[in-house]
Each structure stands twice: as structure tokens, then as C-alpha cells.
C-alpha atoms as a PDB file:
ATOM      1  CA  UNK A   1       0.032  -0.175   0.193  1.00  0.00           C
ATOM      2  CA  UNK A   2       1.318   3.347  -1.310  1.00  0.00           C
ATOM      3  CA  UNK A   3       0.140   6.637   0.008  1.00  0.00           C
ATOM      4  CA  UNK A   4      -0.320   9.552  -2.585  1.00  0.00           C
ATOM      5  CA  UNK A   5      -0.933  12.792  -1.868  1.00  0.00           C
ATOM      6  CA  UNK A   6      -2.490  14.739  -5.052  1.00  0.00           C
ATOM      7  CA  UNK A   7      -3.540  18.402  -4.388  1.00  0.00           C
ATOM      8  CA  UNK A   8      -4.027  21.960  -5.901  1.00  0.00           C
ATOM      9  CA  UNK A   9      -3.295  24.805  -3.470  1.00  0.00           C
ATOM     10  CA  UNK A  10      -2.044  28.260  -4.801  1.00  0.00           C
ATOM     11  CA  UNK A  11      -1.690  29.578  -1.813  1.00  0.00           C
ATOM     12  CA  UNK A  12      -1.057  27.013   0.742  1.00  0.00           C
ATOM     13  CA  UNK A  13      -3.963  26.604   2.912  1.00  0.00           C
ATOM     14  CA  UNK A  14      -5.171  23.160   1.327  1.00  0.00           C
ATOM     15  CA  UNK A  15      -1.379  21.864   1.662  1.00  0.00           C
ATOM     16  CA  UNK A  16      -1.251  22.591   5.126  1.00  0.00           C
ATOM     17  CA  UNK A  17      -4.498  20.677   5.961  1.00  0.00           C
ATOM     18  CA  UNK A  18      -3.469  17.839   3.460  1.00  0.00           C
ATOM     19  CA  UNK A  19       0.024  17.716   5.153  1.00  0.00           C
ATOM     20  CA  UNK A  20      -1.832  17.330   8.409  1.00  0.00           C
ATOM     21  CA  UNK A  21      -3.582  14.329   7.442  1.00  0.00           C
ATOM     22  CA  UNK A  22      -1.477  12.481   5.207  1.00  0.00           C
ATOM     23  CA  UNK A  23       1.534  13.135   7.981  1.00  0.00           C
ATOM     24  CA  UNK A  24      -0.559  11.052   9.750  1.00  0.00           C
ATOM     25  CA  UNK A  25      -0.322   7.992   7.690  1.00  0.00           C
ATOM     26  CA  UNK A  26       2.938   8.334   6.318  1.00  0.00           C
ATOM     27  CA  UNK A  27       5.464  10.900   6.719  1.00  0.00           C
ATOM     28  CA  UNK A  28       7.258   9.401   3.651  1.00  0.00           C
ATOM     29  CA  UNK A  29       4.311  10.041   1.212  1.00  0.00           C
ATOM     30  CA  UNK A  30       4.532  11.153  -2.537  1.00  0.00           C
ATOM     31  CA  UNK A  31       3.330  14.491  -3.753  1.00  0.00           C
ATOM     32  CA  UNK A  32       1.633  15.330  -6.816  1.00  0.00           C
ATOM     33  CA  UNK A  33       1.290  19.270  -7.360  1.00  0.00           C
ATOM     34  CA  UNK A  34      -1.463  19.734  -9.686  1.00  0.00           C
ATOM     35  CA  UNK A  35      -0.815  23.684  -9.445  1.00  0.00           C
ATOM     36  CA  UNK A  36       2.203  22.823 -11.461  1.00  0.00           C
ATOM     37  CA  UNK A  37       1.503  23.623 -15.407  1.00  0.00           C
ATOM     38  CA  UNK A  38       4.285  21.493 -16.884  1.00  0.00           C
ATOM     39  CA  UNK A  39       3.898  18.412 -15.358  1.00  0.00           C
ATOM     40  CA  UNK A  40       2.211  15.903 -17.812  1.00  0.00           C
ATOM     41  CA  UNK A  41      -0.510  14.376 -15.283  1.00  0.00           C
ATOM     42  CA  UNK A  42      -1.503  11.671 -17.941  1.00  0.00           C
ATOM     43  CA  UNK A  43       1.570   9.573 -17.121  1.00  0.00           C
ATOM     44  CA  UNK A  44       0.541   9.244 -13.454  1.00  0.00           C
ATOM     45  CA  UNK A  45      -0.755   5.352 -13.141  1.00  0.00           C
ATOM     46  CA  UNK A  46      -1.852   4.288  -9.491  1.00  0.00           C
ATOM     47  CA  UNK A  47      -2.364   0.861  -8.201  1.00  0.00           C
ATOM     48  CA  UNK A  48      -5.293  -0.649  -6.929  1.00  0.00           C
ATOM     49  CA  UNK A  49      -3.740  -0.981  -3.184  1.00  0.00           C
ATOM     50  CA  UNK A  50      -2.789   2.710  -3.226  1.00  0.00           C
ATOM     51  CA  UNK A  51      -4.741   5.401  -0.692  1.00  0.00           C
ATOM     52  CA  UNK A  52      -4.850   8.739  -2.781  1.00  0.00           C
ATOM     53  CA  UNK A  53      -5.688  11.583  -1.036  1.00  0.00           C
ATOM     54  CA  UNK A  54      -7.126  14.054  -3.197  1.00  0.00           C
ATOM     55  CA  UNK A  55      -7.183  17.739  -2.215  1.00  0.00           C
ATOM     56  CA  UNK A  56      -8.604  21.076  -3.213  1.00  0.00           C
ATOM     57  CA  UNK A  57      -9.749  24.660  -2.368  1.00  0.00           C
ATOM     58  CA  UNK A  58     -13.278  25.790  -2.879  1.00  0.00           C
ATOM     59  CA  UNK A  59     -13.711  28.045  -5.220  1.00  0.00           C
ATOM     60  CA  UNK A  60     -17.439  29.409  -4.637  1.00  0.00           C
ATOM     61  CA  UNK A  61     -18.623  26.435  -3.646  1.00  0.00           C
ATOM     62  CA  UNK A  62     -17.007  24.282  -6.769  1.00  0.00           C
ATOM     63  CA  UNK A  63     -13.928  22.602  -7.515  1.00  0.00           C
ATOM     64  CA  UNK A  64     -11.463  25.085  -9.551  1.00  0.00           C
ATOM     65  CA  UNK A  65     -12.131  24.296 -13.060  1.00  0.00           C
ATOM     66  CA  UNK A  66      -8.207  23.659 -13.666  1.00  0.00           C
ATOM     67  CA  UNK A  67      -8.236  21.513 -10.961  1.00  0.00           C
ATOM     68  CA  UNK A  68     -10.730  19.113 -12.622  1.00  0.00           C
ATOM     69  CA  UNK A  69      -8.994  19.412 -16.158  1.00  0.00           C
ATOM     70  CA  UNK A  70      -5.990  18.418 -14.797  1.00  0.00           C
ATOM     71  CA  UNK A  71      -6.927  15.661 -12.279  1.00  0.00           C
ATOM     72  CA  UNK A  72      -8.991  13.982 -15.343  1.00  0.00           C
ATOM     73  CA  UNK A  73      -5.915  13.270 -16.749  1.00  0.00           C
ATOM     74  CA  UNK A  74      -4.584  10.700 -13.726  1.00  0.00           C
ATOM     75  CA  UNK A  75      -5.362   7.187 -14.331  1.00  0.00           C
ATOM     76  CA  UNK A  76      -7.059   5.950 -10.868  1.00  0.00           C
ATOM     77  CA  UNK A  77      -7.266   2.155 -11.767  1.00  0.00           C
ATOM     78  CA  UNK A  78      -9.006   1.572  -8.546  1.00  0.00           C
ATOM     79  CA  UNK A  79      -7.290   3.567  -6.409  1.00  0.00           C
ATOM     80  CA  UNK A  80      -9.022   3.958  -2.941  1.00  0.00           C
ATOM     81  CA  UNK A  81      -9.699   8.101  -2.562  1.00  0.00           C
ATOM     82  CA  UNK A  82     -10.007  10.112   0.191  1.00  0.00           C
ATOM     83  CA  UNK A  83     -11.636  13.574  -0.943  1.00  0.00           C
ATOM     84  CA  UNK A  84     -10.427  16.693   0.869  1.00  0.00           C
ATOM     85  CA  UNK A  85     -12.161  20.357   0.391  1.00  0.00           C
ATOM     86  CA  UNK A  86     -10.697  23.312   2.329  1.00  0.00           C
ATOM     87  CA  UNK A  87     -12.832  26.349   2.517  1.00  0.00           C
ATOM     88  CA  UNK A  88     -12.434  29.589   4.009  1.00  0.00           C
ATOM     89  CA  UNK A  89     -15.405  29.799   6.890  1.00  0.00           C
ATOM     90  CA  UNK A  90     -18.249  30.198   4.327  1.00  0.00           C
ATOM     91  CA  UNK A  91     -19.740  27.224   2.571  1.00  0.00           C
ATOM     92  CA  UNK A  92     -18.321  24.264   0.254  1.00  0.00           C
ATOM     93  CA  UNK A  93     -21.395  23.689  -1.049  1.00  0.00           C
ATOM     94  CA  UNK A  94     -20.997  21.294  -4.337  1.00  0.00           C
ATOM     95  CA  UNK A  95     -17.042  20.690  -4.309  1.00  0.00           C
ATOM     96  CA  UNK A  96     -17.206  17.828  -2.472  1.00  0.00           C
ATOM     97  CA  UNK A  97     -19.698  15.666  -4.754  1.00  0.00           C
ATOM     98  CA  UNK A  98     -18.107  17.424  -7.848  1.00  0.00           C
ATOM     99  CA  UNK A  99     -14.302  16.315  -6.305  1.00  0.00           C
ATOM    100  CA  UNK A 100     -16.201  12.539  -5.938  1.00  0.00           C
ATOM    101  CA  UNK A 101     -17.537  12.465  -9.455  1.00  0.00           C
ATOM    102  CA  UNK A 102     -14.541  13.313 -11.113  1.00  0.00           C
ATOM    103  CA  UNK A 103     -12.309  11.229  -9.002  1.00  0.00           C
ATOM    104  CA  UNK A 104     -14.727   7.945  -9.745  1.00  0.00           C
ATOM    105  CA  UNK A 105     -14.531   9.586 -13.329  1.00  0.00           C
ATOM    106  CA  UNK A 106     -10.488   8.569 -13.265  1.00  0.00           C
ATOM    107  CA  UNK A 107     -11.118   5.557 -11.632  1.00  0.00           C
ATOM    108  CA  UNK A 108     -10.657   5.929  -8.322  1.00  0.00           C
ATOM    109  CA  UNK A 109     -13.066   4.620  -5.211  1.00  0.00           C
ATOM    110  CA  UNK A 110     -14.053   6.903  -2.582  1.00  0.00           C
ATOM    111  CA  UNK A 111     -13.528   5.827   0.786  1.00  0.00           C
ATOM    112  CA  UNK A 112     -14.058   8.883   2.646  1.00  0.00           C
ATOM    113  CA  UNK A 113     -13.981  12.937   2.102  1.00  0.00           C
ATOM    114  CA  UNK A 114     -13.567  16.158   4.810  1.00  0.00           C
ATOM    115  CA  UNK A 115     -14.436  19.260   4.521  1.00  0.00           C
ATOM    116  CA  UNK A 116     -11.595  21.428   6.205  1.00  0.00           C
ATOM    117  CA  UNK A 117     -11.299  25.364   6.959  1.00  0.00           C
ATOM    118  CA  UNK A 118      -8.493  27.432   6.361  1.00  0.00           C
ATOM    119  CA  UNK A 119      -7.610  30.926   6.242  1.00  0.00           C
ATOM    120  CA  UNK A 120      -9.867  32.482   3.233  1.00  0.00           C
ATOM    121  CA  UNK A 121      -7.001  33.261   0.213  1.00  0.00           C
ATOM    122  CA  UNK A 122      -8.310  36.572   0.063  1.00  0.00           C
ATOM    123  CA  UNK A 123      -9.952  37.889   2.418  1.00  0.00           C
ATOM    124  CA  UNK A 124      -7.581  36.965   5.347  1.00  0.00           C
ATOM    125  CA  UNK A 125      -9.925  38.474   8.111  1.00  0.00           C
ATOM    126  CA  UNK A 126     -11.788  35.214   7.786  1.00  0.00           C
ATOM    127  CA  UNK A 127     -10.682  32.384   9.050  1.00  0.00           C
ATOM    128  CA  UNK A 128      -7.235  33.980  10.364  1.00  0.00           C
ATOM    129  CA  UNK A 129      -4.676  31.240  11.238  1.00  0.00           C
ATOM    130  CA  UNK A 130      -6.565  28.426  10.655  1.00  0.00           C
ATOM    131  CA  UNK A 131      -5.874  25.384  10.318  1.00  0.00           C
ATOM    132  CA  UNK A 132      -4.991  26.228  14.023  1.00  0.00           C
ATOM    133  CA  UNK A 133      -3.909  23.328  16.618  1.00  0.00           C
ATOM    134  CA  UNK A 134      -7.473  22.535  17.475  1.00  0.00           C
ATOM    135  CA  UNK A 135      -8.364  22.088  13.988  1.00  0.00           C
ATOM    136  CA  UNK A 136      -5.006  19.788  13.441  1.00  0.00           C
ATOM    137  CA  UNK A 137      -6.030  17.971  16.361  1.00  0.00           C
ATOM    138  CA  UNK A 138      -9.136  16.828  14.441  1.00  0.00           C
ATOM    139  CA  UNK A 139      -7.876  16.423  11.356  1.00  0.00           C
ATOM    140  CA  UNK A 140      -5.558  13.737  12.971  1.00  0.00           C
ATOM    141  CA  UNK A 141      -8.155  12.012  14.423  1.00  0.00           C
ATOM    142  CA  UNK A 142     -10.262  12.187  11.507  1.00  0.00           C
ATOM    143  CA  UNK A 143      -6.660  10.204   9.218  1.00  0.00           C
ATOM    144  CA  UNK A 144      -6.704   8.152  12.210  1.00  0.00           C
ATOM    145  CA  UNK A 145     -10.735   6.968  11.786  1.00  0.00           C
ATOM    146  CA  UNK A 146      -9.885   6.719   8.355  1.00  0.00           C
ATOM    147  CA  UNK A 147      -7.192   4.193   8.699  1.00  0.00           C
ATOM    148  CA  UNK A 148      -8.552   1.929  10.910  1.00  0.00           C
ATOM    149  CA  UNK A 149     -11.289   1.301   8.403  1.00  0.00           C
ATOM    150  CA  UNK A 150      -8.800   0.975   5.326  1.00  0.00           C
ATOM    151  CA  UNK A 151      -7.044  -2.080   7.310  1.00  0.00           C
ATOM    152  CA  UNK A 152      -9.746  -3.207   8.940  1.00  0.00           C
ATOM    153  CA  UNK A 153     -11.550  -4.084   5.512  1.00  0.00           C
ATOM    154  CA  UNK A 154      -9.468  -2.595   2.319  1.00  0.00           C
ATOM    155  CA  UNK A 155     -11.800  -4.098  -0.370  1.00  0.00           C
ATOM    156  CA  UNK A 156     -14.961  -3.979   1.349  1.00  0.00           C
ATOM    157  CA  UNK A 157     -15.684   0.036   1.049  1.00  0.00           C
ATOM    158  CA  UNK A 158     -18.843   1.360   0.440  1.00  0.00           C
ATOM    159  CA  UNK A 159     -19.191   4.695  -1.214  1.00  0.00           C
ATOM    160  CA  UNK A 160     -18.582   8.033   1.276  1.00  0.00           C
ATOM    161  CA  UNK A 161     -22.252   9.574   1.122  1.00  0.00           C
ATOM    162  CA  UNK A 162     -21.261  13.273   0.412  1.00  0.00           C
ATOM    163  CA  UNK A 163     -23.352  16.305   0.540  1.00  0.00           C
ATOM    164  CA  UNK A 164     -23.785  18.070  -2.861  1.00  0.00           C
ATOM    165  CA  UNK A 165     -26.295  18.857  -5.354  1.00  0.00           C
ATOM    166  CA  UNK A 166     -27.127  17.592  -9.366  1.00  0.00           C
ATOM    167  CA  UNK A 167     -26.624  19.849 -11.114  1.00  0.00           C
ATOM    168  CA  UNK A 168     -23.854  21.859  -9.280  1.00  0.00           C
ATOM    169  CA  UNK A 169     -24.388  25.226  -8.466  1.00  0.00           C
ATOM    170  CA  UNK A 170     -23.511  27.528 -11.427  1.00  0.00           C
ATOM    171  CA  UNK A 171     -19.854  28.514 -11.378  1.00  0.00           C
ATOM    172  CA  UNK A 172     -18.672  32.560 -10.367  1.00  0.00           C
ATOM    173  CA  UNK A 173     -16.809  34.874 -12.578  1.00  0.00           C
ATOM    174  CA  UNK A 174     -12.852  35.625 -11.688  1.00  0.00           C
ATOM    175  CA  UNK A 175     -13.581  39.326 -10.978  1.00  0.00           C
ATOM    176  CA  UNK A 176     -10.646  39.483  -8.987  1.00  0.00           C
ATOM    177  CA  UNK A 177      -7.573  40.166 -11.031  1.00  0.00           C
ATOM    178  CA  UNK A 178      -4.575  40.890  -9.175  1.00  0.00           C
ATOM    179  CA  UNK A 179      -2.363  43.458 -10.846  1.00  0.00           C
ATOM    180  CA  UNK A 180       1.472  44.621  -9.971  1.00  0.00           C
ATOM    181  CA  UNK A 181       1.795  48.076  -8.685  1.00  0.00           C
ATOM    182  CA  UNK A 182       4.706  50.343  -8.956  1.00  0.00           C
ATOM    183  CA  UNK A 183       6.976  47.758  -6.673  1.00  0.00           C
ATOM    184  CA  UNK A 184       7.042  45.077  -9.140  1.00  0.00           C
ATOM    185  CA  UNK A 185      10.781  44.920 -10.043  1.00  0.00           C
ATOM    186  CA  UNK A 186       9.634  42.099 -12.944  1.00  0.00           C
ATOM    187  CA  UNK A 187      11.803  39.045 -11.477  1.00  0.00           C
ATOM    188  CA  UNK A 188       9.174  36.911 -12.995  1.00  0.00           C
ATOM    189  CA  UNK A 189       8.543  34.354  -9.838  1.00  0.00           C
ATOM    190  CA  UNK A 190       4.675  34.873 -10.049  1.00  0.00           C
ATOM    191  CA  UNK A 191       4.975  34.136 -13.568  1.00  0.00           C
ATOM    192  CA  UNK A 192       7.081  30.875 -13.317  1.00  0.00           C
ATOM    193  CA  UNK A 193       4.816  29.762 -10.790  1.00  0.00           C
ATOM    194  CA  UNK A 194       1.579  30.750 -11.948  1.00  0.00           C
ATOM    195  CA  UNK A 195      -0.788  27.771 -11.952  1.00  0.00           C
ATOM    196  CA  UNK A 196      -2.638  28.894 -15.095  1.00  0.00           C
ATOM    197  CA  UNK A 197       0.252  30.285 -16.850  1.00  0.00           C
ATOM    198  CA  UNK A 198      -1.873  33.592 -16.906  1.00  0.00           C
ATOM    199  CA  UNK A 199       1.435  35.797 -16.654  1.00  0.00           C
ATOM    200  CA  UNK A 200       3.455  36.511 -19.620  1.00  0.00           C
ATOM    201  CA  UNK A 201       6.864  35.647 -18.690  1.00  0.00           C
ATOM    202  CA  UNK A 202       8.472  38.185 -20.699  1.00  0.00           C
ATOM    203  CA  UNK A 203       6.294  40.878 -19.101  1.00  0.00           C
ATOM    204  CA  UNK A 204       5.437  39.678 -15.655  1.00  0.00           C
ATOM    205  CA  UNK A 205       3.663  42.969 -15.388  1.00  0.00           C
ATOM    206  CA  UNK A 206       0.903  41.881 -17.599  1.00  0.00           C
ATOM    207  CA  UNK A 207      -1.520  39.678 -16.649  1.00  0.00           C
ATOM    208  CA  UNK A 208      -4.033  37.452 -19.262  1.00  0.00           C
ATOM    209  CA  UNK A 209      -7.666  37.761 -17.268  1.00  0.00           C
ATOM    210  CA  UNK A 210      -9.320  35.639 -19.658  1.00  0.00           C
ATOM    211  CA  UNK A 211      -6.931  32.576 -17.934  1.00  0.00           C
ATOM    212  CA  UNK A 212      -6.461  34.226 -14.578  1.00  0.00           C
ATOM    213  CA  UNK A 213      -8.531  31.846 -11.953  1.00  0.00           C
ATOM    214  CA  UNK A 214      -8.126  34.525  -9.177  1.00  0.00           C
ATOM    215  CA  UNK A 215      -6.313  31.806  -6.757  1.00  0.00           C
ATOM    216  CA  UNK A 216      -3.695  34.231  -5.672  1.00  0.00           C
ATOM    217  CA  UNK A 217      -0.806  32.868  -5.873  1.00  0.00           C
ATOM    218  CA  UNK A 218       0.798  35.562  -7.242  1.00  0.00           C
ATOM    219  CA  UNK A 219       0.089  37.725  -4.755  1.00  0.00           C
ATOM    220  CA  UNK A 220       0.844  35.354  -2.015  1.00  0.00           C
ATOM    221  CA  UNK A 221       4.340  34.552  -3.069  1.00  0.00           C
ATOM    222  CA  UNK A 222       5.714  37.994  -4.513  1.00  0.00           C
ATOM    223  CA  UNK A 223       8.666  38.833  -3.064  1.00  0.00           C
ATOM    224  CA  UNK A 224       7.853  42.903  -3.368  1.00  0.00           C
ATOM    225  CA  UNK A 225       4.429  42.425  -2.753  1.00  0.00           C
ATOM    226  CA  UNK A 226       3.664  44.004  -5.398  1.00  0.00           C
ATOM    227  CA  UNK A 227       0.443  42.411  -6.688  1.00  0.00           C
ATOM    228  CA  UNK A 228      -3.027  43.238  -5.702  1.00  0.00           C
ATOM    229  CA  UNK A 229      -5.854  42.930  -6.287  1.00  0.00           C
ATOM    230  CA  UNK A 230      -9.054  45.876  -6.215  1.00  0.00           C
ATOM    231  CA  UNK A 231      -9.612  46.800  -2.658  1.00  0.00           C
ATOM    232  CA  UNK A 232     -12.814  48.268  -2.947  1.00  0.00           C
ATOM    233  CA  UNK A 233     -14.135  45.174  -4.691  1.00  0.00           C
ATOM    234  CA  UNK A 234     -13.063  43.013  -1.773  1.00  0.00           C
ATOM    235  CA  UNK A 235     -14.135  44.942   0.754  1.00  0.00           C
ATOM    236  CA  UNK A 236     -17.391  44.730  -1.005  1.00  0.00           C
ATOM    237  CA  UNK A 237     -17.229  40.493  -1.426  1.00  0.00           C
ATOM    238  CA  UNK A 238     -15.992  40.776   2.260  1.00  0.00           C
ATOM    239  CA  UNK A 239     -19.135  42.505   3.387  1.00  0.00           C
ATOM    240  CA  UNK A 240     -21.269  40.578   1.651  1.00  0.00           C
ATOM    241  CA  UNK A 241     -20.448  37.057   2.797  1.00  0.00           C
ATOM    242  CA  UNK A 242     -19.918  38.648   6.851  1.00  0.00           C
ATOM    243  CA  UNK A 243     -22.858  37.022   8.345  1.00  0.00           C
ATOM    244  CA  UNK A 244     -22.128  33.706   6.903  1.00  0.00           C
ATOM    245  CA  UNK A 245     -18.503  34.045   7.639  1.00  0.00           C
ATOM    246  CA  UNK A 246     -18.863  35.273  11.464  1.00  0.00           C
ATOM    247  CA  UNK A 247     -19.046  32.372  13.660  1.00  0.00           C
ATOM    248  CA  UNK A 248     -16.524  29.501  13.478  1.00  0.00           C
ATOM    249  CA  UNK A 249     -17.176  26.761  10.915  1.00  0.00           C
ATOM    250  CA  UNK A 250     -16.250  23.309  11.787  1.00  0.00           C
ATOM    251  CA  UNK A 251     -14.487  20.428   9.865  1.00  0.00           C
ATOM    252  CA  UNK A 252     -16.253  17.422   8.654  1.00  0.00           C
ATOM    253  CA  UNK A 253     -15.753  13.747   8.277  1.00  0.00           C
ATOM    254  CA  UNK A 254     -18.120  11.465   5.606  1.00  0.00           C
ATOM    255  CA  UNK A 255     -16.722   7.934   5.496  1.00  0.00           C
END
């Protein structure tokens, strides 16, 4: 049995959750990064006895389209999958069920799912500092429960009863496009690391708004803090979800 982490985490919140679970199983796990624009995912073949943790952020209650398209290239070959969606304390809506449908199309067997909280990637006042120590303790416990069931009956799993709707909710647009300000020195790190290849390698101050998925990686990794989104739009969006984000949401396990 081999443990494999398949993760899409532009700003690191989903990665923290995924690592917390995976290190409870096997600290030497293999990682597949769905944000790597240069990776040939079609060459990835799993085995039936493998266990894959597939982790994505929730973008407006859906799986990021880019993560879906890359996951679809991977060959599950009957491997067990534990699905993880990470959201910024508002709601994850149809993210898990969409991830389940996609994983099963790829040949994975869904055995469990987790919805977890991480700091909002745009409005950092929501779920600030999460996953915190309480979250990590809970995620370790989830991992233990899942692993116990895997070892008890590795071939007799039933599909986890995962919440969500068919058809999925309509995907939102991406109005928050980060732009470079006067502090940009054209170092090119943002262009190299952009999951959607939306930033011009030759002129990093230019962003293709049609390719940008508003993942905020460029904002989070810029060494000059030179990339930002429109402050007024962010303030409006934060106000719109304030009520939904006002109380602490908790991690959930489905298995």
C-alpha cells in the first residue's frame, strides 16, 4: 500500500490541511502537485492497493476548473481515494460532490471525504490562522479513523455519503484579477509559479484576465508585495459574506 497526495493549493491553505492528514498516515508520502503547469499528469498511474488523498480548495462552492481538468488526466486504476475540500469559513456547497464525481471518472474509489477550514485566500480576516492547533488535532483524529477502516476492510468499502447537488451550482466569474503595482521589479517569480500560466513570462506586469482564475498565488508569493487585487471590490465581497463567516465553522468527516 502506497500513500499519494494529489493537491491543488495555490496559496498553501489546502496544502497545510492535506499535509496534516497525510503525515498521520505516512510521513514519506508521494506528492503530485496539480498547480504545476509543466507536469504531464497523463503519465501518472496508480495501483488498486494505493491510497490517494485528493485535496482542493473550494472556489465559490465548486472545484477550481483547472484542478478538475488536470485531475481528469490521472489514471486511478481502482485506487482508494480520500477527498478533501478546503474553504474559508463560508461554505463549500457542491465542491465535495463534484470532486467525488471527477475522481470516480478517473477510476478512483471514494472511501471517505473531509471538509476543512483554512484562512480565506483573499479576505484574510475570515478563518485567520486556520488550520489552527484545534483543527490539526481534529484532522489527525479523522486520519486515524479513516486509516483504521482501511486496514480493517481494504476492499469492502462503500461510497461515502457526500453532500452536494446535481446539477452543481453555477460557477462564479473571476472578477478579482491581481495587478502589479509600482513595486514590481519584473523578477518573474509570479509568472513561473502561476498555475494557469496567466502571467506573461517576458513581461510579468501583464496578466491575461481570460486565463486568470483568481487563485491569488501571485499575490502570496511576490517578494516585493507588488501584486494586489482591487481593494474596493474585496471590501464589497467581504461585506457580502460577513454574516456567513461570522461564526467558526468546523471540520467535517464523511466515511
